[in-house]
Amino acid sequence: ARLRSALDEMRRFGLGQPDEDWLRTPRLMLAVERGDCAQVVPAARLALEQREPLAVSAVAACEIEGGRPEAALARLEGMFRRYSRRLLPTLAARRELLLGRALHALGRRAEAKPHLQRTLDLWSQAADNREVVLARRLLAED
């Protein structure tokens, strides 16, 4: 509904219909926010080919949720080959949480611990601390 409203606003100001490439990121962000893995993968297809960190982290989260943590680990390894972590600190922190979750799901808790601790360190000052709550829960299971 929000995307449709934004598109209507654009048309009202005479900006025309945006092309599919322009809509890719908003669609992906909406799917990620909703936790809708059925929409994440189609929305992320082109972005995955370009190794965009938002797409990589979104699909990795869906792989973990779908019981494929080993696929998520493999995907996350090259997440920042083309992009700087310094320019994308939120996604760098999210990657730490996803690595910790994937390793934890594989029973490799000792390896997961430093990633989960980095999540706590990076997110502890954030107003939205869902990541901190999840990292603390996983660390407490040791």
Protein backbone atom coordinates (compact mmCIF):
# COMPACT_ATOMS: atom_id res chain seq x y z
CA ALA A 1 0.00 0.00 0.00
CA ARG A 2 2.86 2.40 0.84
CA LEU A 3 4.62 1.65 -2.43
CA ARG A 4 1.39 2.17 -4.38
CA SER A 5 0.83 5.48 -2.59
CA ALA A 6 4.35 6.65 -3.43
CA LEU A 7 3.86 5.71 -7.09
CA ASP A 8 0.55 7.60 -7.17
CA GLU A 9 2.33 10.68 -5.77
CA MET A 10 4.98 10.42 -8.49
CA ARG A 11 2.33 10.23 -11.21
CA ARG A 12 0.50 13.22 -9.75
CA PHE A 13 3.66 15.30 -10.12
CA GLY A 14 4.15 14.12 -13.68
CA LEU A 15 7.15 11.92 -13.02
CA GLY A 16 5.68 9.00 -14.96
CA GLN A 17 5.94 5.29 -14.36
CA PRO A 18 9.27 4.16 -12.90
CA ASP A 19 10.94 1.19 -14.51
CA GLU A 20 11.26 -2.22 -12.85
CA ASP A 21 14.87 -1.66 -11.83
CA TRP A 22 13.89 1.47 -9.91
CA LEU A 23 11.22 -0.49 -7.99
CA ARG A 24 13.47 -3.42 -7.09
CA THR A 25 14.93 -2.04 -3.86
CA PRO A 26 11.64 -0.74 -2.37
CA ARG A 27 9.97 -4.08 -3.08
CA LEU A 28 12.85 -5.93 -1.47
CA MET A 29 12.80 -3.65 1.57
CA LEU A 30 9.06 -4.15 2.04
CA ALA A 31 9.43 -7.93 1.77
CA VAL A 32 12.30 -7.87 4.30
CA GLU A 33 10.32 -5.71 6.73
CA ARG A 34 7.36 -8.09 6.51
CA GLY A 35 9.56 -11.16 6.84
CA ASP A 36 7.96 -12.43 3.63
CA CYS A 37 10.51 -14.90 2.26
CA ALA A 38 8.21 -15.83 -0.63
CA GLN A 39 8.62 -12.25 -1.90
CA VAL A 40 12.25 -11.70 -0.83
CA VAL A 41 13.75 -14.13 -3.34
CA PRO A 42 11.95 -12.81 -6.45
CA ALA A 43 12.57 -9.20 -5.39
CA ALA A 44 16.26 -9.95 -4.76
CA ARG A 45 17.02 -11.93 -7.92
CA LEU A 46 18.90 -9.24 -9.90
CA ALA A 47 20.43 -7.73 -6.78
CA LEU A 48 21.80 -11.17 -5.83
CA GLU A 49 23.55 -11.42 -9.18
CA GLN A 50 25.24 -8.11 -8.36
CA ARG A 51 26.03 -9.27 -4.79
CA GLU A 52 24.18 -6.31 -3.23
CA PRO A 53 24.44 -6.65 0.58
CA LEU A 54 20.75 -5.96 1.25
CA ALA A 55 19.74 -8.80 -1.05
CA VAL A 56 22.43 -11.14 0.27
CA SER A 57 21.41 -10.56 3.90
CA ALA A 58 17.68 -10.85 3.12
CA VAL A 59 18.04 -14.15 1.28
CA ALA A 60 20.46 -15.50 3.92
CA ALA A 61 17.89 -14.73 6.63
CA CYS A 62 15.27 -16.63 4.63
CA GLU A 63 17.67 -19.55 4.20
CA ILE A 64 18.17 -19.70 7.97
CA GLU A 65 14.41 -19.52 8.55
CA GLY A 66 13.92 -22.22 5.93
CA GLY A 67 16.27 -24.63 7.70
CA ARG A 68 19.24 -24.13 5.35
CA PRO A 69 21.84 -22.41 7.57
CA GLU A 70 24.73 -23.89 5.57
CA ALA A 71 23.46 -22.10 2.44
CA ALA A 72 23.22 -18.86 4.42
CA LEU A 73 26.80 -19.24 5.64
CA ALA A 74 28.08 -19.73 2.11
CA ARG A 75 26.10 -16.73 0.84
CA LEU A 76 27.26 -14.41 3.66
CA GLU A 77 30.95 -15.13 3.15
CA GLY A 78 31.25 -12.90 0.09
CA MET A 79 28.72 -10.28 1.09
CA PHE A 80 31.11 -7.33 1.03
CA ARG A 81 33.36 -8.22 -1.91
CA ARG A 82 31.98 -5.39 -4.03
CA TYR A 83 30.82 -3.00 -1.30
CA SER A 84 32.50 -1.37 1.69
CA ARG A 85 31.40 -2.38 5.17
CA ARG A 86 32.12 1.16 6.30
CA LEU A 87 29.51 2.53 3.92
CA LEU A 88 26.91 0.00 5.07
CA PRO A 89 27.27 -0.33 8.87
CA THR A 90 23.71 -1.56 9.46
CA LEU A 91 24.16 -4.39 6.97
CA ALA A 92 27.59 -5.21 8.42
CA ALA A 93 25.97 -5.58 11.85
CA ARG A 94 23.11 -7.62 10.36
CA ARG A 95 25.66 -9.92 8.71
CA GLU A 96 27.21 -10.62 12.12
CA LEU A 97 23.82 -11.62 13.51
CA LEU A 98 23.06 -13.83 10.51
CA LEU A 99 26.46 -15.54 10.73
CA GLY A 100 25.85 -16.15 14.43
CA ARG A 101 22.36 -17.53 13.76
CA ALA A 102 23.56 -19.82 10.96
CA LEU A 103 26.47 -21.19 12.98
CA HIS A 104 24.21 -21.63 16.02
CA ALA A 105 21.66 -23.53 13.92
CA LEU A 106 24.44 -25.82 12.72
CA GLY A 107 25.40 -26.57 16.32
CA ARG A 108 28.69 -24.63 16.00
CA ARG A 109 28.03 -22.48 19.05
CA ALA A 110 31.65 -21.69 19.86
CA GLU A 111 32.05 -20.24 16.36
CA ALA A 112 28.72 -18.40 16.63
CA LYS A 113 29.61 -16.69 19.91
CA PRO A 114 32.00 -13.99 18.57
CA HIS A 115 29.52 -13.03 15.84
CA LEU A 116 26.67 -12.77 18.35
CA GLN A 117 28.85 -10.75 20.72
CA ARG A 118 29.75 -8.36 17.88
CA THR A 119 26.02 -8.01 17.23
CA LEU A 120 25.55 -6.93 20.85
CA ASP A 121 28.47 -4.51 20.61
CA LEU A 122 27.29 -2.96 17.35
CA TRP A 123 23.56 -2.77 18.11
CA SER A 124 23.50 -2.06 21.84
CA GLN A 125 23.00 1.70 21.32
CA ALA A 126 20.30 1.35 18.65
CA ALA A 127 16.75 2.47 19.36
CA ASP A 128 15.38 -0.67 17.70
CA ASN A 129 17.13 -3.51 19.46
CA ARG A 130 15.46 -6.63 18.00
CA GLU A 131 18.89 -7.83 16.93
CA VAL A 132 20.26 -7.42 20.48
CA VAL A 133 17.36 -9.41 21.96
CA LEU A 134 17.91 -12.25 19.48
CA ALA A 135 21.69 -12.31 19.99
CA ARG A 136 21.27 -12.38 23.80
CA ARG A 137 18.76 -15.23 23.53
CA LEU A 138 21.13 -17.32 21.39
CA LEU A 139 24.13 -16.57 23.63
CA ALA A 140 22.09 -17.64 26.68
CA GLU A 141 21.56 -21.09 25.16
CA ASP A 142 25.23 -22.00 25.71
